[in-house]
Amino acid sequence: MRDTATQPPPAPRRVREQAREAVAVMAFSAFTSVAFAIGLVVVTHLGSRG
């Protein structure tokens, strides 16, 4: 059995790490939105031709 009282608590996350993850989420969201919009425009354009 391990004694958890002697282990140090995990280090709190730094603001820089949180900001980096937030930027990654925003970039992924923007990329997904743009890809969906382009796909919708292409499908609409192809649908109006035929």
Foldseek 3Di string as FASTA:
>chain_A
DDDPVPDDDDDDDDPVVVVVVVVVVVVVVVVVVVVVVVVVVVVVVVVVVD
